[in-house]
């Protein structure tokens, strides 16, 4: 039976969250905490119990997410500052040539966004897009959208980027399986929203490199692309090995328990990212002429951005805790099931609705993951099903980037587009990413 007073509490809490973020422009961390308190009070939870659940939700979430996001941010900062991103882009383009440049840019964006934030990767690589446009005379969108698609897909779908790591933590999903599902869903999404869509829309909208943008970027200490690929691939490989050893397939491997535990420790995200950081510190830093003081400054500054994401994620954990303790999650599950919605559809639609209304993909992912975690609280889901839920949320949070999203204006500015042109190109591309990604999730849920 549906408890309509509890349903009202949830809807009111979401409305309060959106009003605080959109109208009052209050930071998402504080807004999520206030919305959580509002849901608890409206659901009849005693005041001190709300406070206890805030502590519980924040603590249980941040014990894992703070370490992973912090390590990931430092790793990405070293790759960015060393010129490794530019090196990787130049290498891929040299191997593919101009004719396949749009596909090469998709691959570049896809790889670069694993260790580097979306906006940082875009700003670093956009000069490559300018250079290709000037050389060929084709629309800037022909090269720009594939790069953006690759960056956007990995940023939302594949750990150790903060969004999927946060969602996986809140849902209790295995990070290795999330990586696997993210690749399977993300590659078709990046292709359709990138080279395929760019080939069409670039014939409708011709834009050239804005005259006011400087396209020359130089690095004096560029590392080899092989080192960058190895450093990016190392933590992913180790995490996947850990997942394999934890799966039924790894149960019968003829190795001792001690060796197996050693590999599992190396494959834990904490250790995998620590190793990647140490290797990057030496190979891209010390060996390339950076001083220890410079490396300290680079890694320290990266934690500023990471800190914001960590706090917002913790507040998302609080929102989940309140929804679970009040029974709102169980009630939402019953309501959605009465209308024939599965957890996958609930996760996708919740993330999409919040994304469209308030703009931030990160806030949408974290809020939707809290709701989804409460939704599945009393049900049994396999690790693979939880991984698919993470990607369903990532897909929903990618949809329909428009004027309330900072990414919309980043693309608008750097490509010299009008608002209408940005809606016809970038907004459509993000929607293609969302729909394609979710369709792949549904296919994986059927096949498995």
Protein backbone atom coordinates (compact mmCIF):
# COMPACT_ATOMS: atom_id res chain seq x y z
CA UNK A 1 0.00 0.00 0.00
CA UNK A 2 1.33 3.44 -0.96
CA UNK A 3 1.93 5.85 1.91
CA UNK A 4 1.00 9.16 0.27
CA UNK A 5 2.35 11.25 3.15
CA UNK A 6 5.73 9.62 2.62
CA UNK A 7 5.47 10.16 -1.12
CA UNK A 8 4.74 13.82 -0.47
CA UNK A 9 7.83 14.04 1.76
CA UNK A 10 10.05 12.67 -1.02
CA UNK A 11 8.59 14.92 -3.73
CA UNK A 12 8.78 17.94 -1.44
CA UNK A 13 12.41 17.13 -0.64
CA UNK A 14 13.31 16.97 -4.34
CA UNK A 15 11.42 20.21 -4.98
CA UNK A 16 13.29 21.91 -2.12
CA UNK A 17 16.60 20.64 -3.54
CA UNK A 18 15.86 22.06 -6.98
CA UNK A 19 14.61 25.40 -5.62
CA UNK A 20 17.71 25.81 -3.47
CA UNK A 21 20.05 25.05 -6.38
CA UNK A 22 18.19 26.80 -9.21
CA UNK A 23 16.56 29.82 -7.57
CA UNK A 24 18.68 30.57 -4.51
CA UNK A 25 21.95 29.33 -6.14
CA UNK A 26 22.96 27.54 -2.95
CA UNK A 27 25.86 25.10 -3.30
CA UNK A 28 24.74 21.53 -4.03
CA UNK A 29 26.43 20.13 -0.88
CA UNK A 30 24.42 22.38 1.43
CA UNK A 31 21.27 21.98 -0.68
CA UNK A 32 21.40 18.17 -0.45
CA UNK A 33 21.82 18.31 3.32
CA UNK A 34 18.88 20.70 3.70
CA UNK A 35 16.69 18.61 1.40
CA UNK A 36 17.59 15.48 3.40
CA UNK A 37 16.56 17.18 6.65
CA UNK A 38 13.32 18.34 5.04
CA UNK A 39 12.44 14.78 3.92
CA UNK A 40 13.16 13.45 7.40
CA UNK A 41 11.02 16.08 9.12
CA UNK A 42 8.12 15.72 6.69
CA UNK A 43 8.26 11.94 7.09
CA UNK A 44 7.94 12.31 10.87
CA UNK A 45 11.50 11.31 11.80
CA UNK A 46 12.65 12.70 15.19
CA UNK A 47 15.16 15.53 14.91
CA UNK A 48 18.08 13.80 16.62
CA UNK A 49 17.52 10.67 14.53
CA UNK A 50 17.90 12.85 11.42
CA UNK A 51 21.23 14.14 12.75
CA UNK A 52 22.42 10.59 13.50
CA UNK A 53 21.51 9.49 9.98
CA UNK A 54 23.34 12.48 8.47
CA UNK A 55 26.48 11.32 10.28
CA UNK A 56 25.90 7.70 9.29
CA UNK A 57 25.18 8.47 5.64
CA UNK A 58 28.13 10.85 5.29
CA UNK A 59 30.58 8.52 7.04
CA UNK A 60 29.62 5.33 5.23
CA UNK A 61 29.88 7.04 1.84
CA UNK A 62 33.08 9.03 2.29
CA UNK A 63 35.14 6.18 3.75
CA UNK A 64 35.56 4.88 0.20
CA UNK A 65 34.81 7.73 -2.18
CA UNK A 66 37.14 10.32 -0.63
CA UNK A 67 40.21 8.14 -1.20
CA UNK A 68 39.36 7.18 -4.79
CA UNK A 69 38.36 10.66 -5.97
CA UNK A 70 41.34 12.29 -4.27
CA UNK A 71 43.82 9.85 -5.81
CA UNK A 72 42.15 10.12 -9.21
CA UNK A 73 42.31 13.92 -9.15
CA UNK A 74 46.04 13.95 -8.37
CA UNK A 75 46.78 11.37 -11.06
CA UNK A 76 44.88 13.39 -13.66
CA UNK A 77 46.60 16.61 -12.65
CA UNK A 78 50.07 15.14 -13.26
CA UNK A 79 49.01 13.79 -16.67
CA UNK A 80 47.59 17.18 -17.60
CA UNK A 81 50.55 19.26 -16.41
CA UNK A 82 53.14 17.00 -18.02
CA UNK A 83 51.63 17.37 -21.50
CA UNK A 84 50.71 13.69 -21.55
CA UNK A 85 47.20 14.42 -22.82
CA UNK A 86 48.54 16.38 -25.80
CA UNK A 87 51.08 13.65 -26.48
CA UNK A 88 48.38 10.99 -26.61
CA UNK A 89 46.22 13.11 -28.93
CA UNK A 90 49.09 13.80 -31.34
CA UNK A 91 50.03 10.12 -31.43
CA UNK A 92 46.52 8.87 -32.18
CA UNK A 93 46.00 11.46 -34.91
CA UNK A 94 49.36 10.67 -36.51
CA UNK A 95 48.36 7.01 -36.78
CA UNK A 96 44.89 7.60 -38.23
CA UNK A 97 45.39 10.56 -40.57
CA UNK A 98 42.93 13.32 -41.47
CA UNK A 99 40.38 11.01 -43.12
CA UNK A 100 39.76 9.16 -39.90
CA UNK A 101 40.48 12.11 -37.63
CA UNK A 102 36.93 12.31 -36.25
CA UNK A 103 37.17 8.68 -35.10
CA UNK A 104 40.63 9.32 -33.69
CA UNK A 105 39.34 12.30 -31.71
CA UNK A 106 36.54 10.16 -30.26
CA UNK A 107 39.13 7.61 -29.13
CA UNK A 108 41.34 10.36 -27.74
CA UNK A 109 38.50 11.90 -25.73
CA UNK A 110 37.46 8.47 -24.53
CA UNK A 111 40.93 7.67 -23.17
CA UNK A 112 41.79 11.15 -21.89
CA UNK A 113 38.66 11.53 -19.78
CA UNK A 114 39.51 8.45 -17.70
CA UNK A 115 42.10 10.31 -15.60
CA UNK A 116 41.24 13.94 -16.47
CA UNK A 117 38.05 15.93 -15.80
CA UNK A 118 35.79 16.63 -18.80
CA UNK A 119 36.30 20.39 -18.94
CA UNK A 120 40.06 20.12 -18.41
CA UNK A 121 40.43 17.52 -21.17
CA UNK A 122 38.36 19.64 -23.53
CA UNK A 123 40.33 22.83 -22.95
CA UNK A 124 43.64 20.97 -23.43
CA UNK A 125 42.58 19.18 -26.63
CA UNK A 126 40.46 21.81 -28.35
CA UNK A 127 43.55 23.31 -30.12
CA UNK A 128 43.85 20.00 -32.02
CA UNK A 129 40.29 20.51 -33.26
CA UNK A 130 41.09 24.08 -34.33
CA UNK A 131 44.19 22.96 -36.23
CA UNK A 132 42.26 20.27 -38.13
CA UNK A 133 39.45 22.66 -39.01
CA UNK A 134 41.85 25.26 -40.39
CA UNK A 135 43.70 22.62 -42.38
CA UNK A 136 40.65 20.96 -43.97
CA UNK A 137 38.10 23.78 -44.04
CA UNK A 138 35.37 21.49 -42.69
CA UNK A 139 32.94 22.60 -40.02
CA UNK A 140 34.43 22.77 -36.53
CA UNK A 141 31.63 20.43 -35.41
CA UNK A 142 32.96 17.65 -37.65
CA UNK A 143 35.99 17.33 -35.37
CA UNK A 144 34.69 18.93 -32.18
CA UNK A 145 31.66 16.74 -31.50
CA UNK A 146 33.59 13.44 -31.71
CA UNK A 147 36.09 14.77 -29.17
CA UNK A 148 33.28 15.97 -26.91
CA UNK A 149 31.40 12.67 -27.23
CA UNK A 150 34.46 10.68 -26.19
CA UNK A 151 35.12 12.97 -23.24
CA UNK A 152 31.48 13.06 -22.09
CA UNK A 153 30.92 9.31 -22.29
CA UNK A 154 33.99 8.35 -20.27
CA UNK A 155 33.39 11.16 -17.77
CA UNK A 156 29.96 9.71 -16.96
CA UNK A 157 30.33 5.99 -17.63
CA UNK A 158 33.82 4.74 -16.69
CA UNK A 159 35.61 4.83 -13.30
CA UNK A 160 37.84 6.14 -11.87
CA UNK A 161 36.12 9.38 -12.96
CA UNK A 162 34.25 10.78 -9.92
CA UNK A 163 30.64 10.38 -11.13
CA UNK A 164 30.49 6.62 -11.67
CA UNK A 165 32.78 6.01 -8.68
CA UNK A 166 30.37 7.95 -6.47
CA UNK A 167 27.32 6.13 -7.82
CA UNK A 168 29.03 2.73 -7.50
CA UNK A 169 29.91 3.52 -3.90
CA UNK A 170 26.37 4.54 -2.97
CA UNK A 171 24.83 1.50 -4.71
CA UNK A 172 27.49 -0.92 -3.47
CA UNK A 173 28.47 -1.93 -7.02
CA UNK A 174 31.74 -3.64 -7.95
CA UNK A 175 34.00 -1.09 -9.62
CA UNK A 176 35.52 -3.61 -12.03
CA UNK A 177 32.11 -4.63 -13.34
CA UNK A 178 31.14 -0.96 -13.65
CA UNK A 179 34.26 -0.39 -15.79
CA UNK A 180 33.32 -3.36 -17.98
CA UNK A 181 29.68 -2.29 -18.35
CA UNK A 182 30.78 1.30 -18.95
CA UNK A 183 33.00 0.29 -21.85
CA UNK A 184 30.32 -1.92 -23.42
CA UNK A 185 27.68 0.81 -23.21
CA UNK A 186 30.00 3.75 -23.75
CA UNK A 187 31.72 2.78 -26.99
CA UNK A 188 28.51 2.65 -29.11
CA UNK A 189 27.26 5.83 -27.40
CA UNK A 190 30.48 7.69 -28.24
CA UNK A 191 30.41 6.48 -31.87
CA UNK A 192 26.78 7.46 -32.49
CA UNK A 193 26.99 10.84 -30.75
CA UNK A 194 30.48 11.49 -32.15
CA UNK A 195 31.57 10.57 -35.69
CA UNK A 196 28.12 9.45 -36.89
CA UNK A 197 26.16 12.47 -35.67
CA UNK A 198 29.01 14.89 -36.43
CA UNK A 199 29.07 13.73 -40.06
CA UNK A 200 25.40 14.72 -40.33
CA UNK A 201 25.18 17.93 -38.32
CA UNK A 202 28.43 19.41 -39.69
CA UNK A 203 26.74 19.56 -43.12
CA UNK A 204 23.87 21.56 -41.59
CA UNK A 205 25.92 23.90 -39.41
CA UNK A 206 29.24 25.21 -40.75
CA UNK A 207 31.36 27.02 -38.19
CA UNK A 208 35.03 27.91 -38.34
CA UNK A 209 37.59 28.39 -35.61
CA UNK A 210 36.73 31.61 -33.70
CA UNK A 211 39.23 34.32 -34.55
CA UNK A 212 39.59 35.41 -30.92
CA UNK A 213 40.86 32.02 -29.71
CA UNK A 214 44.54 31.22 -29.58
CA UNK A 215 45.19 27.73 -30.83
CA UNK A 216 48.87 27.30 -30.08
CA UNK A 217 49.68 25.14 -27.09
CA UNK A 218 53.20 23.96 -26.34
CA UNK A 219 54.78 21.75 -23.71
CA UNK A 220 58.50 21.55 -23.05
CA UNK A 221 58.50 18.19 -21.29
CA UNK A 222 56.20 16.01 -23.40
CA UNK A 223 56.24 12.31 -22.41
CA UNK A 224 55.84 9.45 -24.87
CA UNK A 225 52.28 8.27 -25.65
CA UNK A 226 53.23 4.70 -24.68
CA UNK A 227 53.91 5.81 -21.11
CA UNK A 228 50.55 7.62 -20.97
CA UNK A 229 48.63 4.59 -22.26
CA UNK A 230 50.41 2.34 -19.77
CA UNK A 231 49.74 4.67 -16.85
CA UNK A 232 46.06 5.10 -17.71
CA UNK A 233 45.63 1.38 -18.34
CA UNK A 234 47.42 0.17 -15.20
CA UNK A 235 44.75 0.98 -12.57
CA UNK A 236 41.95 -0.18 -14.89
CA UNK A 237 43.76 -3.49 -15.51
CA UNK A 238 44.46 -4.08 -11.82
CA UNK A 239 40.86 -3.31 -10.82
CA UNK A 240 39.52 -5.69 -13.48
CA UNK A 241 41.91 -8.43 -12.25
CA UNK A 242 40.50 -7.95 -8.75
CA UNK A 243 36.96 -8.27 -10.08
CA UNK A 244 37.89 -11.43 -11.98
CA UNK A 245 39.41 -13.03 -8.86
CA UNK A 246 36.25 -12.22 -6.89
CA UNK A 247 34.01 -13.76 -9.56
CA UNK A 248 33.07 -17.46 -9.93
CA UNK A 249 35.53 -17.62 -12.86
CA UNK A 250 38.42 -16.81 -10.55
CA UNK A 251 37.45 -19.28 -7.82
CA UNK A 252 39.25 -22.27 -9.40
CA UNK A 253 42.54 -20.59 -10.40
CA UNK A 254 45.41 -22.86 -9.23
CA UNK A 255 47.21 -20.35 -6.99
CA UNK A 256 47.60 -20.19 -3.24
CA UNK A 257 45.26 -18.09 -1.17
CA UNK A 258 48.15 -15.82 -0.15
CA UNK A 259 49.07 -15.01 -3.76
CA UNK A 260 45.41 -14.52 -4.61
CA UNK A 261 44.98 -12.08 -1.72
CA UNK A 262 48.10 -10.24 -2.85
CA UNK A 263 46.69 -9.74 -6.35
CA UNK A 264 43.34 -8.68 -4.88
CA UNK A 265 45.07 -6.07 -2.75
CA UNK A 266 46.93 -4.72 -5.79
CA UNK A 267 43.62 -4.63 -7.66
CA UNK A 268 41.75 -2.69 -5.00
CA UNK A 269 41.06 0.85 -6.32
CA UNK A 270 43.00 2.36 -3.40
CA UNK A 271 46.24 0.50 -4.15
CA UNK A 272 45.82 0.57 -7.95
CA UNK A 273 45.51 4.37 -7.93
CA UNK A 274 48.33 4.83 -5.42
CA UNK A 275 50.63 2.84 -7.74
CA UNK A 276 49.48 4.90 -10.76
CA UNK A 277 50.16 8.12 -8.83
CA UNK A 278 53.65 7.03 -7.77
CA UNK A 279 54.59 5.97 -11.30
CA UNK A 280 53.19 9.21 -12.76
CA UNK A 281 55.03 11.24 -10.11
CA UNK A 282 58.33 9.66 -11.12
CA UNK A 283 57.96 8.98 -14.88
CA UNK A 284 56.05 12.16 -15.82
CA UNK A 285 57.41 14.37 -13.08
CA UNK A 286 60.87 13.75 -11.69
CA UNK A 287 62.21 12.02 -14.81
CA UNK A 288 60.92 14.85 -17.06
CA UNK A 289 62.56 17.60 -15.04
CA UNK A 290 59.79 18.70 -12.69
CA UNK A 291 60.97 19.61 -9.21
CA UNK A 292 59.44 17.98 -6.16
CA UNK A 293 58.02 21.35 -5.15
CA UNK A 294 56.32 21.75 -8.55
CA UNK A 295 54.78 18.28 -8.28
CA UNK A 296 53.58 19.02 -4.76
CA UNK A 297 51.89 22.22 -5.99
CA UNK A 298 50.26 20.40 -8.95
CA UNK A 299 48.84 17.57 -6.84
CA UNK A 300 47.77 19.85 -3.98
CA UNK A 301 45.84 22.20 -6.26
CA UNK A 302 43.97 19.25 -7.79
CA UNK A 303 42.46 18.37 -4.42
CA UNK A 304 40.45 21.61 -4.40
CA UNK A 305 38.20 20.37 -7.18
CA UNK A 306 38.16 16.86 -5.70
CA UNK A 307 37.05 18.23 -2.33
CA UNK A 308 33.87 19.71 -3.78
CA UNK A 309 32.96 16.43 -5.47
CA UNK A 310 33.72 14.45 -2.30
CA UNK A 311 31.46 16.64 -0.16
CA UNK A 312 28.59 16.56 -2.67
CA UNK A 313 28.90 12.78 -2.86
CA UNK A 314 28.82 12.53 0.91
CA UNK A 315 25.65 14.63 0.98
CA UNK A 316 24.20 12.26 -1.63
CA UNK A 317 24.94 9.44 0.79
CA UNK A 318 23.02 11.35 3.46
CA UNK A 319 20.03 11.72 1.11
CA UNK A 320 20.10 7.96 0.47
CA UNK A 321 20.32 7.22 4.21
CA UNK A 322 17.29 9.40 5.02
CA UNK A 323 15.23 7.86 2.20
CA UNK A 324 16.14 4.38 3.44
CA UNK A 325 15.49 5.01 7.14
CA UNK A 326 12.11 6.68 6.57
CA UNK A 327 10.98 3.79 4.37
CA UNK A 328 10.65 6.14 1.40
CA UNK A 329 12.84 3.94 -0.78
CA UNK A 330 10.67 0.89 -0.24
CA UNK A 331 7.56 2.97 -0.89
CA UNK A 332 9.01 4.33 -4.16
CA UNK A 333 9.85 0.81 -5.26
CA UNK A 334 6.28 -0.33 -4.67
CA UNK A 335 4.88 2.71 -6.47
CA UNK A 336 7.11 2.28 -9.54
CA UNK A 337 6.46 -1.45 -9.68
CA UNK A 338 2.71 -0.78 -9.63
CA UNK A 339 3.24 1.22 -12.83
CA UNK A 340 5.43 -1.47 -14.37
CA UNK A 341 8.78 0.32 -13.98
CA UNK A 342 11.90 -1.73 -13.28
CA UNK A 343 14.81 -0.44 -11.18
CA UNK A 344 16.75 0.28 -14.40
CA UNK A 345 14.01 2.55 -15.75
CA UNK A 346 13.61 4.20 -12.35
CA UNK A 347 17.37 4.90 -12.16
CA UNK A 348 17.52 6.31 -15.70
CA UNK A 349 14.40 8.47 -15.40
CA UNK A 350 15.31 9.83 -11.96
CA UNK A 351 18.77 10.90 -13.16
CA UNK A 352 17.39 12.34 -16.42
CA UNK A 353 14.70 14.38 -14.66
CA UNK A 354 17.14 15.91 -12.18
CA UNK A 355 19.72 16.57 -14.91
CA UNK A 356 17.20 18.38 -17.13
CA UNK A 357 15.87 20.47 -14.26
CA UNK A 358 19.13 21.59 -12.62
CA UNK A 359 21.87 21.01 -15.20
CA UNK A 360 24.70 19.37 -13.28
CA UNK A 361 25.36 15.77 -14.32
CA UNK A 362 27.28 15.13 -11.09
CA UNK A 363 24.41 16.32 -8.87
CA UNK A 364 21.95 14.32 -10.99
CA UNK A 365 24.02 11.14 -10.68
CA UNK A 366 24.53 11.43 -6.95
CA UNK A 367 20.92 12.38 -6.15
CA UNK A 368 19.53 9.62 -8.39
CA UNK A 369 21.92 7.07 -6.90
CA UNK A 370 20.65 7.89 -3.41
CA UNK A 371 17.06 7.40 -4.57
CA UNK A 372 17.93 4.20 -6.42
CA UNK A 373 19.87 2.75 -3.47
CA UNK A 374 16.81 3.29 -1.29
CA UNK A 375 14.63 1.82 -4.06
CA UNK A 376 16.56 -1.49 -4.11
CA UNK A 377 17.25 -1.65 -0.34
CA UNK A 378 15.03 -4.67 0.37
CA UNK A 379 15.67 -6.50 -2.91
CA UNK A 380 18.45 -8.87 -3.96
CA UNK A 381 20.56 -7.60 -6.87
CA UNK A 382 23.67 -9.28 -8.26
CA UNK A 383 26.91 -7.34 -8.66
CA UNK A 384 26.34 -7.22 -12.43
CA UNK A 385 22.79 -5.83 -12.00
CA UNK A 386 24.14 -3.13 -9.67
CA UNK A 387 26.80 -2.26 -12.26
CA UNK A 388 24.07 -1.86 -14.89
CA UNK A 389 22.15 0.42 -12.51
CA UNK A 390 25.25 2.62 -12.26
CA UNK A 391 25.44 2.95 -16.05
CA UNK A 392 21.66 3.56 -16.30
CA UNK A 393 22.09 6.50 -13.89
CA UNK A 394 25.14 7.72 -15.84
CA UNK A 395 23.12 7.62 -19.08
CA UNK A 396 20.20 9.51 -17.57
CA UNK A 397 22.51 12.16 -16.11
CA UNK A 398 24.07 12.75 -19.55
CA UNK A 399 20.82 13.68 -21.30
CA UNK A 400 19.82 17.02 -22.82
CA UNK A 401 22.60 19.40 -21.80
CA UNK A 402 21.09 22.88 -22.22
CA UNK A 403 21.31 26.43 -20.88
CA UNK A 404 21.43 25.46 -17.18
CA UNK A 405 24.53 23.29 -17.72
CA UNK A 406 28.02 24.83 -17.58
CA UNK A 407 29.15 22.36 -20.26
CA UNK A 408 26.65 23.90 -22.68
CA UNK A 409 28.30 27.30 -22.38
CA UNK A 410 31.80 25.83 -22.54
CA UNK A 411 31.00 24.32 -25.94
CA UNK A 412 29.16 27.47 -27.00
CA UNK A 413 32.15 29.68 -26.23
CA UNK A 414 34.99 27.54 -27.56
CA UNK A 415 33.23 26.69 -30.83
CA UNK A 416 31.81 30.18 -31.40
CA UNK A 417 28.25 28.87 -31.76
CA UNK A 418 24.94 30.63 -31.26
CA UNK A 419 22.61 29.27 -28.56
CA UNK A 420 20.39 27.71 -31.26
CA UNK A 421 23.36 26.02 -32.94
CA UNK A 422 24.57 24.68 -29.60
CA UNK A 423 21.12 23.20 -28.92
CA UNK A 424 21.04 21.58 -32.38
CA UNK A 425 24.52 20.08 -31.99
CA UNK A 426 25.77 19.60 -28.42
CA UNK A 427 22.34 19.15 -26.80
CA UNK A 428 21.34 16.54 -29.36
CA UNK A 429 24.70 14.78 -28.98
CA UNK A 430 24.29 14.43 -25.20
CA UNK A 431 20.78 13.08 -25.71
CA UNK A 432 22.13 10.49 -28.18
CA UNK A 433 24.72 9.48 -25.58
CA UNK A 434 21.99 9.01 -22.98
CA UNK A 435 19.59 7.04 -25.17
CA UNK A 436 22.28 4.84 -26.74
CA UNK A 437 23.89 4.15 -23.38
CA UNK A 438 20.58 3.19 -21.80
CA UNK A 439 19.62 0.96 -24.74
CA UNK A 440 22.93 -0.86 -24.29
CA UNK A 441 22.15 -1.29 -20.59
CA UNK A 442 18.78 -2.83 -21.46
CA UNK A 443 20.45 -5.19 -23.95
CA UNK A 444 23.04 -6.25 -21.38
CA UNK A 445 20.28 -6.87 -18.82
CA UNK A 446 18.49 -9.14 -21.32
CA UNK A 447 21.59 -11.04 -22.45
CA UNK A 448 22.74 -11.66 -18.92
